[in-house]
């Protein structure tokens, strides 16, 4: 094996690693796009439902305990 053949094999291995990395990245991007689409659909459905949810009411605070006074 000559130096040129070794260099060529090394470069091909580097390119193969790069190709695999790009495929993994593209696959991950597609998965995230699917998840984003599902979330958008859920939000659209939730927004289209005209249900009035009760507004939270202010709650009275419990009275603070009285302190003993020492005389």
N, C-alpha and C. Protein backbone atom coordinates (compact mmCIF):
# COMPACT_ATOMS: atom_id res chain seq x y z
N UNK A 1 0.85 -1.16 0.00
CA UNK A 1 0.00 0.00 0.00
C UNK A 1 0.91 1.24 0.00
N UNK A 2 0.62 2.10 -0.93
CA UNK A 2 1.44 3.31 -1.04
C UNK A 2 0.86 4.40 -0.15
N UNK A 3 1.60 5.46 -0.02
CA UNK A 3 1.15 6.58 0.80
C UNK A 3 -0.12 7.18 0.21
N UNK A 4 -0.18 7.24 -1.13
CA UNK A 4 -1.37 7.79 -1.78
C UNK A 4 -2.60 6.94 -1.47
N UNK A 5 -2.47 5.63 -1.52
CA UNK A 5 -3.59 4.73 -1.24
C UNK A 5 -4.02 4.86 0.22
N UNK A 6 -3.05 4.96 1.12
CA UNK A 6 -3.37 5.13 2.54
C UNK A 6 -4.09 6.45 2.78
N UNK A 7 -3.63 7.51 2.14
CA UNK A 7 -4.26 8.82 2.29
C UNK A 7 -5.68 8.79 1.73
N UNK A 8 -5.85 8.12 0.58
CA UNK A 8 -7.17 8.00 -0.03
C UNK A 8 -8.12 7.22 0.88
N UNK A 9 -7.64 6.12 1.44
CA UNK A 9 -8.47 5.32 2.35
C UNK A 9 -8.84 6.13 3.59
N UNK A 10 -7.89 6.87 4.10
CA UNK A 10 -8.15 7.71 5.27
C UNK A 10 -9.21 8.76 4.96
N UNK A 11 -9.09 9.40 3.81
CA UNK A 11 -10.06 10.43 3.42
C UNK A 11 -11.44 9.82 3.20
N UNK A 12 -11.49 8.62 2.61
CA UNK A 12 -12.79 7.96 2.42
C UNK A 12 -13.43 7.62 3.76
N UNK A 13 -12.62 7.20 4.72
CA UNK A 13 -13.16 6.92 6.06
C UNK A 13 -13.69 8.19 6.72
N UNK A 14 -12.98 9.29 6.56
CA UNK A 14 -13.44 10.56 7.11
C UNK A 14 -14.77 10.97 6.48
N UNK A 15 -14.87 10.82 5.16
CA UNK A 15 -16.10 11.17 4.46
C UNK A 15 -17.27 10.28 4.89
N UNK A 16 -16.99 9.01 5.14
CA UNK A 16 -18.03 8.10 5.59
C UNK A 16 -18.54 8.51 6.98
N UNK A 17 -17.62 8.88 7.85
CA UNK A 17 -18.02 9.34 9.18
C UNK A 17 -18.86 10.61 9.08
N UNK A 18 -18.44 11.52 8.22
CA UNK A 18 -19.19 12.76 8.01
C UNK A 18 -20.59 12.47 7.46
N UNK A 19 -20.68 11.56 6.51
CA UNK A 19 -21.98 11.19 5.93
C UNK A 19 -22.91 10.63 7.01
N UNK A 20 -22.38 9.75 7.86
CA UNK A 20 -23.19 9.18 8.93
C UNK A 20 -23.66 10.26 9.90
N UNK A 21 -22.76 11.19 10.20
CA UNK A 21 -23.11 12.29 11.09
C UNK A 21 -24.24 13.14 10.50
N UNK A 22 -24.14 13.44 9.22
CA UNK A 22 -25.18 14.23 8.56
C UNK A 22 -26.51 13.48 8.52
N UNK A 23 -26.47 12.18 8.30
CA UNK A 23 -27.70 11.38 8.28
C UNK A 23 -28.35 11.38 9.67
N UNK A 24 -27.54 11.24 10.71
CA UNK A 24 -28.07 11.28 12.07
C UNK A 24 -28.71 12.64 12.38
N UNK A 25 -28.04 13.70 11.95
CA UNK A 25 -28.56 15.05 12.17
C UNK A 25 -29.88 15.24 11.43
N UNK A 26 -29.93 14.81 10.17
CA UNK A 26 -31.16 14.94 9.39
C UNK A 26 -32.30 14.14 10.00
N UNK A 27 -31.99 12.95 10.48
CA UNK A 27 -33.02 12.12 11.12
C UNK A 27 -33.55 12.80 12.38
N UNK A 28 -32.66 13.38 13.16
CA UNK A 28 -33.06 14.08 14.39
C UNK A 28 -33.91 15.31 14.05
N UNK A 29 -33.54 16.03 13.00
CA UNK A 29 -34.33 17.19 12.57
C UNK A 29 -35.73 16.77 12.16
N UNK A 30 -35.84 15.66 11.43
CA UNK A 30 -37.16 15.16 11.02
C UNK A 30 -38.01 14.78 12.22
N UNK A 31 -37.38 14.13 13.22
CA UNK A 31 -38.12 13.77 14.43
C UNK A 31 -38.62 15.01 15.16
N UNK A 32 -37.79 16.03 15.25
CA UNK A 32 -38.20 17.26 15.92
C UNK A 32 -39.29 17.98 15.15
N UNK A 33 -39.23 17.95 13.82
CA UNK A 33 -40.28 18.56 13.01
C UNK A 33 -41.61 17.85 13.23
N UNK A 34 -41.58 16.51 13.33
CA UNK A 34 -42.81 15.75 13.59
C UNK A 34 -43.39 16.12 14.95
N UNK A 35 -42.52 16.22 15.96
CA UNK A 35 -42.99 16.58 17.30
C UNK A 35 -43.57 17.99 17.30
N UNK A 36 -42.93 18.92 16.60
CA UNK A 36 -43.43 20.29 16.53
C UNK A 36 -44.79 20.32 15.84
N UNK A 37 -44.96 19.52 14.80
CA UNK A 37 -46.24 19.47 14.10
C UNK A 37 -47.33 18.92 15.00
N UNK A 38 -47.01 17.89 15.77
CA UNK A 38 -47.99 17.31 16.69
C UNK A 38 -48.39 18.35 17.74
N UNK A 39 -47.41 19.07 18.28
CA UNK A 39 -47.71 20.09 19.29
C UNK A 39 -48.54 21.23 18.70
N UNK A 40 -48.24 21.63 17.47
CA UNK A 40 -49.04 22.67 16.82
C UNK A 40 -50.48 22.22 16.64
N UNK A 41 -50.66 20.95 16.26
CA UNK A 41 -52.02 20.42 16.09
C UNK A 41 -52.76 20.41 17.43
N UNK A 42 -52.06 20.00 18.50
CA UNK A 42 -52.70 19.99 19.82
C UNK A 42 -53.09 21.40 20.24
N UNK A 43 -52.21 22.36 20.02
CA UNK A 43 -52.52 23.73 20.39
C UNK A 43 -53.69 24.28 19.57
N UNK A 44 -53.72 23.94 18.30
CA UNK A 44 -54.81 24.40 17.44
C UNK A 44 -56.13 23.82 17.91
N UNK A 45 -56.13 22.54 18.24
CA UNK A 45 -57.35 21.90 18.74
C UNK A 45 -57.78 22.51 20.08
N UNK A 46 -56.82 22.74 20.96
CA UNK A 46 -57.14 23.32 22.26
C UNK A 46 -57.69 24.73 22.11
N UNK A 47 -57.14 25.49 21.15
CA UNK A 47 -57.61 26.86 20.94
C UNK A 47 -59.00 26.88 20.30
N UNK A 48 -59.34 25.87 19.54
CA UNK A 48 -60.63 25.86 18.86
C UNK A 48 -61.76 25.45 19.80
N UNK A 49 -61.45 24.81 20.91
CA UNK A 49 -62.47 24.42 21.86
C UNK A 49 -62.87 25.66 22.65
N UNK A 50 -64.16 25.96 22.66
CA UNK A 50 -64.64 27.19 23.30
C UNK A 50 -65.18 26.89 24.70
N UNK A 51 -64.41 26.23 25.50
CA UNK A 51 -64.83 25.92 26.86
C UNK A 51 -64.32 27.01 27.77
N UNK A 52 -65.23 27.53 28.60
CA UNK A 52 -64.81 28.55 29.55
C UNK A 52 -64.37 27.86 30.82
N UNK A 53 -63.14 28.02 31.13
CA UNK A 53 -62.61 27.46 32.37
C UNK A 53 -62.78 28.50 33.46
N UNK A 54 -63.13 28.07 34.66
CA UNK A 54 -63.31 29.05 35.74
C UNK A 54 -61.98 29.74 36.07
N UNK A 55 -62.10 31.02 36.34
CA UNK A 55 -60.91 31.78 36.71
C UNK A 55 -60.56 31.48 38.16
N UNK A 56 -59.30 31.39 38.48
CA UNK A 56 -58.93 31.14 39.87
C UNK A 56 -59.36 32.30 40.75
N UNK A 57 -59.90 31.96 41.91
CA UNK A 57 -60.38 32.96 42.85
C UNK A 57 -59.33 33.18 43.93
N UNK A 58 -59.26 34.41 44.37
CA UNK A 58 -58.32 34.73 45.45
C UNK A 58 -58.79 34.04 46.72
N UNK A 59 -57.88 33.47 47.44
CA UNK A 59 -58.23 32.79 48.68
C UNK A 59 -57.85 33.67 49.86
N UNK A 60 -58.70 33.61 50.91
CA UNK A 60 -58.40 34.38 52.11
C UNK A 60 -57.23 33.74 52.83
N UNK A 61 -56.38 34.59 53.34
CA UNK A 61 -55.24 34.08 54.10
C UNK A 61 -55.68 33.72 55.50
N UNK A 62 -55.12 32.68 56.03
CA UNK A 62 -55.42 32.29 57.41
C UNK A 62 -54.86 33.36 58.34
N UNK A 63 -55.59 33.66 59.41
CA UNK A 63 -55.08 34.69 60.32
C UNK A 63 -53.75 34.26 60.94
N UNK A 64 -52.89 35.22 61.10
CA UNK A 64 -51.58 34.93 61.68
C UNK A 64 -51.76 34.62 63.16
N UNK A 65 -50.98 33.68 63.69
CA UNK A 65 -51.12 33.36 65.12
C UNK A 65 -50.69 34.55 65.98
N UNK A 66 -51.43 34.75 67.09
CA UNK A 66 -51.11 35.85 68.00
C UNK A 66 -49.93 35.42 68.88
N UNK A 67 -49.08 36.34 69.15
CA UNK A 67 -47.93 36.04 69.98
C UNK A 67 -48.26 36.35 71.44
N UNK A 68 -47.68 35.56 72.30
CA UNK A 68 -47.84 35.80 73.74
C UNK A 68 -47.00 37.00 74.12
N UNK A 69 -47.59 37.84 74.88
CA UNK A 69 -46.80 38.98 75.35
C UNK A 69 -46.34 38.70 76.78
N UNK A 70 -45.10 38.99 77.06
CA UNK A 70 -44.55 38.76 78.39
C UNK A 70 -44.50 40.09 79.11
N UNK A 71 -45.06 40.10 80.37
CA UNK A 71 -45.05 41.34 81.15
C UNK A 71 -44.23 41.17 82.38
